[in-house]
């Protein structure tokens, strides 16, 4: 068992939690050789003095950042002050129980590059959360899974409680914002295996939560930043360009068929519903095929592996996903054209936009999965 571990703990006005945290860590890590590195954002509440007094009895030290703010950046700075090759990151608020730390270290010693304290694997959970808080948390995880492929294997990529080997971040260009440092590591760190260890996220008993609307906005900015730095934003733009060409094919062919090809435009008549939707189906399938070819060799060229069999498997998968998207488009188009009485071409455009979002997210997740 490797007993040489460092705990990096970012703090801001958490004085009331420091002593019980250090005491419980001392009990949980009895027999380990460890250090606790408190990275404090100049709290000014007596945290510095308290940690210095505790250092006489426990292996704890404090680094006060007087010109910088932010949990995630405090953790990154803490990596530079940690002396060990196994680094534990956790909050000081005692919501992740210190008693779980040995289980995380055990997962690293057994070969994992990253061990994550997870609320969303069997045995984990969140104590006292409202339905809205749970929805927001799951929604944030879903956003990361959709737009950041490297997080998709992790059920709780939003966790602030994890252990890494130093080599995971040794050469990573980490530049996080807000609270979600794990996202930065999953996207930019060098790792192969990650293990999730269940824990119960308990209710804070001391101090005040730092979660607010600004932090939620910072999270979305962080997602955008990571998409930009990892190339996922360029991929999305490429998909939009291909989707734009698909709109031209889709809408153009529908217009040709209904204006010059003998098909009746979609309206509330029986002929319009039957003939117009046949024309719409033909135009949709044609755009699906052209979109697949362009996406395969342009948008997802880096994931375009395998031979002809793989090509046709992807085509089938793409077509199935886009058929569902087509049904969504048809349903939305008919809703606006038949039920709401919108102009038929405008209704087709609304359907195209909604179906486009479906197609991007599902194909990025399944057809050209990383």
Protein backbone atom coordinates (compact mmCIF):
# COMPACT_ATOMS: atom_id res chain seq x y z
CA UNK A 1 0.00 0.00 0.00
CA UNK A 2 1.39 3.39 -1.05
CA UNK A 3 1.34 5.63 1.99
CA UNK A 4 2.73 8.76 0.33
CA UNK A 5 -0.29 10.92 -0.50
CA UNK A 6 -1.15 14.62 -0.66
CA UNK A 7 -4.55 16.17 -0.05
CA UNK A 8 -5.20 19.47 -1.84
CA UNK A 9 -8.12 21.32 -0.25
CA UNK A 10 -9.27 24.71 -1.60
CA UNK A 11 -10.90 26.99 0.96
CA UNK A 12 -12.67 30.30 1.22
CA UNK A 13 -14.22 31.23 4.55
CA UNK A 14 -14.34 27.64 5.81
CA UNK A 15 -12.68 28.21 9.19
CA UNK A 16 -15.42 26.38 11.13
CA UNK A 17 -14.86 23.22 9.08
CA UNK A 18 -11.06 23.09 9.14
CA UNK A 19 -10.46 21.49 12.55
CA UNK A 20 -13.11 18.73 12.22
CA UNK A 21 -11.89 18.06 8.68
CA UNK A 22 -8.24 17.70 9.74
CA UNK A 23 -9.21 15.57 12.73
CA UNK A 24 -11.39 13.19 10.69
CA UNK A 25 -8.72 12.90 7.99
CA UNK A 26 -6.17 12.03 10.66
CA UNK A 27 -8.41 9.21 11.86
CA UNK A 28 -9.27 7.99 8.35
CA UNK A 29 -5.64 8.01 7.23
CA UNK A 30 -4.08 6.43 10.29
CA UNK A 31 -1.13 4.39 9.06
CA UNK A 32 -0.64 6.50 5.90
CA UNK A 33 2.13 8.99 5.35
CA UNK A 34 0.20 12.01 4.12
CA UNK A 35 0.12 15.80 3.96
CA UNK A 36 -2.78 18.25 3.79
CA UNK A 37 -2.28 21.33 1.63
CA UNK A 38 -4.88 24.03 2.33
CA UNK A 39 -5.16 26.44 -0.61
CA UNK A 40 -6.94 29.46 0.83
CA UNK A 41 -8.24 32.40 -1.20
CA UNK A 42 -7.35 34.97 1.46
CA UNK A 43 -10.43 34.25 3.55
CA UNK A 44 -9.50 36.71 6.27
CA UNK A 45 -11.62 34.77 8.78
CA UNK A 46 -8.82 33.27 10.83
CA UNK A 47 -8.30 30.21 8.59
CA UNK A 48 -4.58 30.93 8.19
CA UNK A 49 -3.96 31.24 11.92
CA UNK A 50 -6.00 28.12 12.69
CA UNK A 51 -4.13 25.97 10.14
CA UNK A 52 -0.77 27.20 11.43
CA UNK A 53 -1.77 26.18 14.96
CA UNK A 54 -2.99 22.76 13.75
CA UNK A 55 0.32 22.20 11.92
CA UNK A 56 1.98 21.67 15.29
CA UNK A 57 0.03 18.42 15.68
CA UNK A 58 -1.03 17.39 12.16
CA UNK A 59 0.78 17.26 8.77
CA UNK A 60 -1.09 20.30 7.43
CA UNK A 61 0.13 23.49 5.79
CA UNK A 62 -1.59 26.49 4.23
CA UNK A 63 -0.89 28.54 1.13
CA UNK A 64 -2.78 31.85 1.07
CA UNK A 65 -3.50 33.20 -2.40
CA UNK A 66 -3.82 36.93 -1.94
CA UNK A 67 -4.18 37.96 -5.60
CA UNK A 68 -6.22 35.10 -7.08
CA UNK A 69 -9.70 33.65 -6.61
CA UNK A 70 -11.51 30.50 -7.69
CA UNK A 71 -11.78 26.94 -6.46
CA UNK A 72 -10.55 25.26 -9.63
CA UNK A 73 -7.51 27.49 -10.05
CA UNK A 74 -6.70 27.01 -6.34
CA UNK A 75 -6.59 23.25 -6.93
CA UNK A 76 -4.27 23.67 -9.94
CA UNK A 77 -1.96 25.87 -7.87
CA UNK A 78 -2.15 23.26 -5.13
CA UNK A 79 -0.74 20.60 -7.44
CA UNK A 80 2.48 22.61 -7.45
CA UNK A 81 2.65 22.61 -3.67
CA UNK A 82 1.81 18.92 -3.23
CA UNK A 83 4.86 16.73 -2.63
CA UNK A 84 3.37 13.32 -3.41
CA UNK A 85 2.61 11.42 -6.61
CA UNK A 86 -0.92 10.58 -5.46
CA UNK A 87 -3.03 13.72 -5.07
CA UNK A 88 -6.45 13.86 -3.45
CA UNK A 89 -8.77 16.79 -4.17
CA UNK A 90 -11.71 17.50 -1.89
CA UNK A 91 -13.71 20.40 -0.52
CA UNK A 92 -13.38 21.58 3.05
CA UNK A 93 -17.11 21.68 3.78
CA UNK A 94 -17.28 18.04 4.98
CA UNK A 95 -19.97 17.23 2.43
CA UNK A 96 -17.68 14.55 0.96
CA UNK A 97 -16.92 12.38 4.02
CA UNK A 98 -13.18 12.12 4.79
CA UNK A 99 -13.74 8.45 5.69
CA UNK A 100 -14.14 7.65 1.96
CA UNK A 101 -10.61 8.82 1.11
CA UNK A 102 -8.94 5.41 1.78
CA UNK A 103 -11.30 3.74 -0.70
CA UNK A 104 -10.29 6.25 -3.38
CA UNK A 105 -6.59 5.74 -2.65
CA UNK A 106 -7.13 1.97 -2.81
CA UNK A 107 -8.55 2.31 -6.34
CA UNK A 108 -5.41 4.20 -7.40
CA UNK A 109 -3.15 1.60 -5.82
CA UNK A 110 -5.04 -1.07 -7.77
CA UNK A 111 -4.20 0.59 -11.08
CA UNK A 112 -6.66 3.41 -11.80
CA UNK A 113 -5.27 6.72 -13.04
CA UNK A 114 -8.23 8.63 -11.60
CA UNK A 115 -10.54 7.59 -8.75
CA UNK A 116 -13.69 9.68 -8.47
CA UNK A 117 -15.98 9.99 -5.48
CA UNK A 118 -19.30 9.51 -7.23
CA UNK A 119 -22.83 10.40 -6.18
CA UNK A 120 -24.32 8.63 -9.18
CA UNK A 121 -23.04 5.07 -9.03
CA UNK A 122 -24.71 2.38 -6.96
CA UNK A 123 -24.22 3.13 -3.29
CA UNK A 124 -23.80 6.87 -3.81
CA UNK A 125 -26.32 9.65 -3.32
CA UNK A 126 -27.10 13.16 -2.14
CA UNK A 127 -28.51 13.76 1.32
CA UNK A 128 -31.29 16.32 1.63
CA UNK A 129 -31.27 17.58 -1.95
CA UNK A 130 -34.46 19.06 -3.39
CA UNK A 131 -35.86 17.76 -6.67
CA UNK A 132 -34.73 20.99 -8.38
CA UNK A 133 -31.16 20.61 -7.10
CA UNK A 134 -31.05 17.01 -8.36
CA UNK A 135 -32.39 18.02 -11.78
CA UNK A 136 -29.82 20.83 -12.05
CA UNK A 137 -26.97 18.50 -11.11
CA UNK A 138 -28.03 15.77 -13.52
CA UNK A 139 -28.62 18.39 -16.20
CA UNK A 140 -25.10 19.77 -15.77
CA UNK A 141 -23.66 16.24 -16.09
CA UNK A 142 -25.76 15.66 -19.22
CA UNK A 143 -24.40 18.86 -20.80
CA UNK A 144 -20.82 17.70 -20.21
CA UNK A 145 -21.59 14.24 -21.63
CA UNK A 146 -23.12 15.74 -24.77
CA UNK A 147 -20.47 18.34 -25.56
CA UNK A 148 -17.30 16.89 -23.98
CA UNK A 149 -16.78 13.31 -25.22
CA UNK A 150 -14.03 12.40 -22.74
CA UNK A 151 -16.47 12.75 -19.84
CA UNK A 152 -19.02 10.27 -21.18
CA UNK A 153 -17.61 7.25 -19.37
CA UNK A 154 -17.98 9.06 -16.05
CA UNK A 155 -21.37 9.18 -14.36
CA UNK A 156 -20.38 12.02 -12.03
CA UNK A 157 -18.00 14.30 -13.97
CA UNK A 158 -19.08 17.21 -11.76
CA UNK A 159 -17.59 15.68 -8.62
CA UNK A 160 -15.16 17.77 -6.62
CA UNK A 161 -13.91 14.72 -4.72
CA UNK A 162 -11.30 12.64 -6.51
CA UNK A 163 -7.77 11.24 -6.54
CA UNK A 164 -5.28 11.36 -9.41
CA UNK A 165 -1.79 10.20 -10.15
CA UNK A 166 0.49 13.19 -10.67
CA UNK A 167 1.35 12.02 -14.20
CA UNK A 168 -2.29 12.63 -15.20
CA UNK A 169 -1.79 16.40 -14.96
CA UNK A 170 1.98 16.65 -15.24
CA UNK A 171 1.94 17.92 -18.83
CA UNK A 172 -1.66 19.13 -19.01
CA UNK A 173 -2.28 22.79 -19.84
CA UNK A 174 -4.92 23.34 -17.18
CA UNK A 175 -6.71 26.68 -17.25
CA UNK A 176 -9.99 26.13 -15.39
CA UNK A 177 -12.62 28.61 -14.30
CA UNK A 178 -15.30 28.25 -11.66
CA UNK A 179 -15.64 25.11 -9.57
CA UNK A 180 -15.34 22.14 -11.95
CA UNK A 181 -11.67 21.18 -12.02
CA UNK A 182 -12.44 17.50 -12.70
CA UNK A 183 -13.89 18.39 -16.12
CA UNK A 184 -10.61 20.10 -17.01
CA UNK A 185 -8.61 17.03 -15.96
CA UNK A 186 -10.85 14.56 -17.78
CA UNK A 187 -10.59 16.57 -21.00
CA UNK A 188 -6.92 17.63 -20.91
CA UNK A 189 -5.20 15.17 -18.57
CA UNK A 190 -3.32 12.05 -19.64
CA UNK A 191 -5.29 9.05 -18.37
CA UNK A 192 -6.57 5.68 -19.48
CA UNK A 193 -8.55 4.25 -16.59
CA UNK A 194 -10.97 5.94 -14.21
CA UNK A 195 -12.89 4.32 -11.35
CA UNK A 196 -15.92 5.75 -9.58
CA UNK A 197 -16.23 5.05 -5.86
CA UNK A 198 -19.67 5.67 -4.31
CA UNK A 199 -20.13 8.15 -1.51
CA UNK A 200 -23.03 9.94 0.14
CA UNK A 201 -22.86 13.71 -0.36
CA UNK A 202 -24.08 14.97 3.02
CA UNK A 203 -25.74 18.22 4.04
CA UNK A 204 -23.43 21.06 5.01
CA UNK A 205 -23.56 21.69 8.77
CA UNK A 206 -21.20 24.68 9.01
CA UNK A 207 -20.49 27.66 6.78
CA UNK A 208 -22.32 28.77 3.65
CA UNK A 209 -22.60 27.20 0.22
CA UNK A 210 -20.72 29.01 -2.58
CA UNK A 211 -23.14 27.76 -5.26
CA UNK A 212 -25.01 30.61 -6.95
CA UNK A 213 -26.25 31.77 -10.35
CA UNK A 214 -22.81 33.14 -11.27
CA UNK A 215 -21.23 29.74 -10.70
CA UNK A 216 -23.78 28.15 -13.00
CA UNK A 217 -22.97 30.71 -15.69
CA UNK A 218 -19.25 30.09 -15.14
CA UNK A 219 -19.91 26.40 -15.69
CA UNK A 220 -21.40 27.05 -19.12
CA UNK A 221 -18.44 29.31 -19.95
CA UNK A 222 -16.12 26.52 -18.86
CA UNK A 223 -17.90 24.03 -21.13
CA UNK A 224 -17.48 26.46 -24.03
CA UNK A 225 -13.81 27.01 -23.16
CA UNK A 226 -13.11 23.26 -23.06
CA UNK A 227 -14.93 22.75 -26.37
CA UNK A 228 -12.76 25.48 -27.85
CA UNK A 229 -9.46 24.15 -26.47
CA UNK A 230 -10.12 20.49 -27.35
CA UNK A 231 -11.48 21.01 -30.85
CA UNK A 232 -15.06 20.04 -30.01
CA UNK A 233 -16.27 23.54 -30.86
CA UNK A 234 -14.73 23.26 -34.33
CA UNK A 235 -16.44 19.89 -34.71
CA UNK A 236 -19.79 21.42 -33.78
CA UNK A 237 -19.26 24.22 -36.30
CA UNK A 238 -18.41 21.65 -38.97
CA UNK A 239 -21.58 19.74 -38.14
CA UNK A 240 -23.52 23.00 -38.46
CA UNK A 241 -21.96 23.64 -41.88
CA UNK A 242 -22.87 20.15 -43.02
CA UNK A 243 -26.30 20.60 -41.47
CA UNK A 244 -26.64 23.84 -43.44
CA UNK A 245 -25.95 21.98 -46.65
CA UNK A 246 -28.52 19.41 -45.55
CA UNK A 247 -31.06 22.18 -45.05
CA UNK A 248 -30.45 23.33 -48.60
CA UNK A 249 -30.89 19.79 -49.92
CA UNK A 250 -33.89 19.11 -47.68
CA UNK A 251 -35.73 22.36 -48.23
CA UNK A 252 -34.63 22.73 -51.84
CA UNK A 253 -35.78 19.26 -52.88
CA UNK A 254 -39.08 19.68 -50.99
CA UNK A 255 -39.65 22.99 -52.79
CA UNK A 256 -38.82 21.47 -56.19
CA UNK A 257 -41.11 18.48 -55.62
CA UNK A 258 -44.05 20.54 -54.36
CA UNK A 259 -43.69 23.50 -56.74
CA UNK A 260 -42.48 21.81 -59.91
CA UNK A 261 -42.65 18.04 -59.36
CA UNK A 262 -46.38 17.51 -59.07
CA UNK A 263 -46.54 16.98 -55.30
CA UNK A 264 -49.04 18.97 -53.22
CA UNK A 265 -47.60 21.27 -50.51
CA UNK A 266 -48.37 20.29 -46.92
CA UNK A 267 -51.62 21.81 -45.72
CA UNK A 268 -54.75 20.72 -43.86
CA UNK A 269 -56.30 18.96 -46.87
CA UNK A 270 -56.08 15.19 -47.31
CA UNK A 271 -54.05 15.64 -50.53
CA UNK A 272 -51.72 18.09 -48.82
CA UNK A 273 -51.14 15.81 -45.86
CA UNK A 274 -50.48 12.70 -48.01
CA UNK A 275 -48.67 14.11 -51.04
CA UNK A 276 -46.81 16.82 -49.13
CA UNK A 277 -45.43 14.37 -46.56
CA UNK A 278 -44.27 12.00 -49.31
CA UNK A 279 -42.31 14.89 -50.81
CA UNK A 280 -40.99 15.77 -47.35
CA UNK A 281 -39.89 12.16 -46.71
CA UNK A 282 -38.01 11.98 -50.03
CA UNK A 283 -36.22 15.25 -49.32
CA UNK A 284 -35.35 14.20 -45.77
CA UNK A 285 -33.82 10.84 -46.80
CA UNK A 286 -31.80 12.50 -49.54
CA UNK A 287 -30.39 15.02 -47.08
CA UNK A 288 -29.63 12.22 -44.58
CA UNK A 289 -27.41 10.44 -47.10
CA UNK A 290 -25.57 13.58 -48.21
CA UNK A 291 -25.11 14.67 -44.59
CA UNK A 292 -23.66 11.30 -43.61
CA UNK A 293 -21.07 11.35 -46.37
CA UNK A 294 -19.96 14.90 -45.51
CA UNK A 295 -19.87 14.25 -41.76
CA UNK A 296 -17.97 10.98 -42.16
CA UNK A 297 -15.15 12.57 -44.15
CA UNK A 298 -15.24 16.13 -42.81
CA UNK A 299 -16.75 16.53 -39.32
CA UNK A 300 -15.65 13.21 -37.81
CA UNK A 301 -12.65 12.40 -39.99
CA UNK A 302 -10.54 11.71 -36.87
CA UNK A 303 -13.00 8.99 -35.80
CA UNK A 304 -13.48 7.60 -39.29
CA UNK A 305 -11.88 4.21 -38.66
CA UNK A 306 -12.40 0.79 -40.22
CA UNK A 307 -13.15 -0.32 -43.76
CA UNK A 308 -16.20 -0.56 -45.94
CA UNK A 309 -18.15 -2.66 -43.40
CA UNK A 310 -17.58 -0.04 -40.72
CA UNK A 311 -18.65 2.66 -43.17
CA UNK A 312 -21.99 1.00 -43.83
CA UNK A 313 -22.55 0.27 -40.14
CA UNK A 314 -22.09 3.97 -39.42
CA UNK A 315 -24.39 4.81 -42.32
CA UNK A 316 -27.07 2.52 -40.89
CA UNK A 317 -26.64 3.94 -37.40
CA UNK A 318 -26.70 7.49 -38.74
CA UNK A 319 -29.79 6.74 -40.79
CA UNK A 320 -31.65 5.22 -37.84
CA UNK A 321 -30.88 8.22 -35.64
CA UNK A 322 -31.81 10.62 -38.40
CA UNK A 323 -35.01 8.70 -39.16
CA UNK A 324 -36.08 9.46 -35.59
CA UNK A 325 -34.97 13.03 -36.26
CA UNK A 326 -37.03 12.93 -39.43
CA UNK A 327 -40.09 11.80 -37.50
CA UNK A 328 -39.44 14.66 -35.09
CA UNK A 329 -39.17 17.04 -38.04
CA UNK A 330 -42.34 15.71 -39.65
CA UNK A 331 -44.24 15.93 -36.37
CA UNK A 332 -43.06 19.47 -35.64
CA UNK A 333 -43.69 20.56 -39.25
CA UNK A 334 -47.24 19.22 -39.19
CA UNK A 335 -47.84 20.70 -35.76
CA UNK A 336 -46.98 24.18 -36.98
CA UNK A 337 -48.41 23.88 -40.51
CA UNK A 338 -51.61 21.93 -39.84
CA UNK A 339 -52.48 22.73 -36.23
CA UNK A 340 -51.10 26.27 -35.90
CA UNK A 341 -51.58 27.28 -39.55
CA UNK A 342 -48.01 28.49 -40.14
CA UNK A 343 -46.66 28.92 -43.70
CA UNK A 344 -45.49 25.45 -44.79
CA UNK A 345 -41.86 26.38 -45.60
CA UNK A 346 -41.48 28.17 -42.24
CA UNK A 347 -42.92 25.08 -40.52
CA UNK A 348 -40.37 22.88 -42.35
CA UNK A 349 -37.54 25.16 -41.16
CA UNK A 350 -38.67 24.94 -37.51
CA UNK A 351 -38.77 21.15 -37.81
CA UNK A 352 -35.29 21.11 -39.37
CA UNK A 353 -33.75 23.08 -36.47
CA UNK A 354 -35.17 20.81 -33.78
CA UNK A 355 -34.26 17.66 -35.69
CA UNK A 356 -30.74 19.03 -36.28
CA UNK A 357 -30.04 19.30 -32.54
CA UNK A 358 -31.26 15.73 -32.03
CA UNK A 359 -29.09 14.44 -34.87
CA UNK A 360 -25.92 16.18 -33.68
CA UNK A 361 -26.15 15.06 -30.08
CA UNK A 362 -27.06 11.44 -30.81
CA UNK A 363 -24.62 10.93 -33.69
CA UNK A 364 -21.76 12.53 -31.77
CA UNK A 365 -22.62 10.23 -28.88
CA UNK A 366 -23.23 7.00 -30.84
CA UNK A 367 -22.32 6.94 -34.55
CA UNK A 368 -18.88 8.50 -34.23
CA UNK A 369 -18.36 7.84 -30.54
CA UNK A 370 -14.91 8.52 -29.16
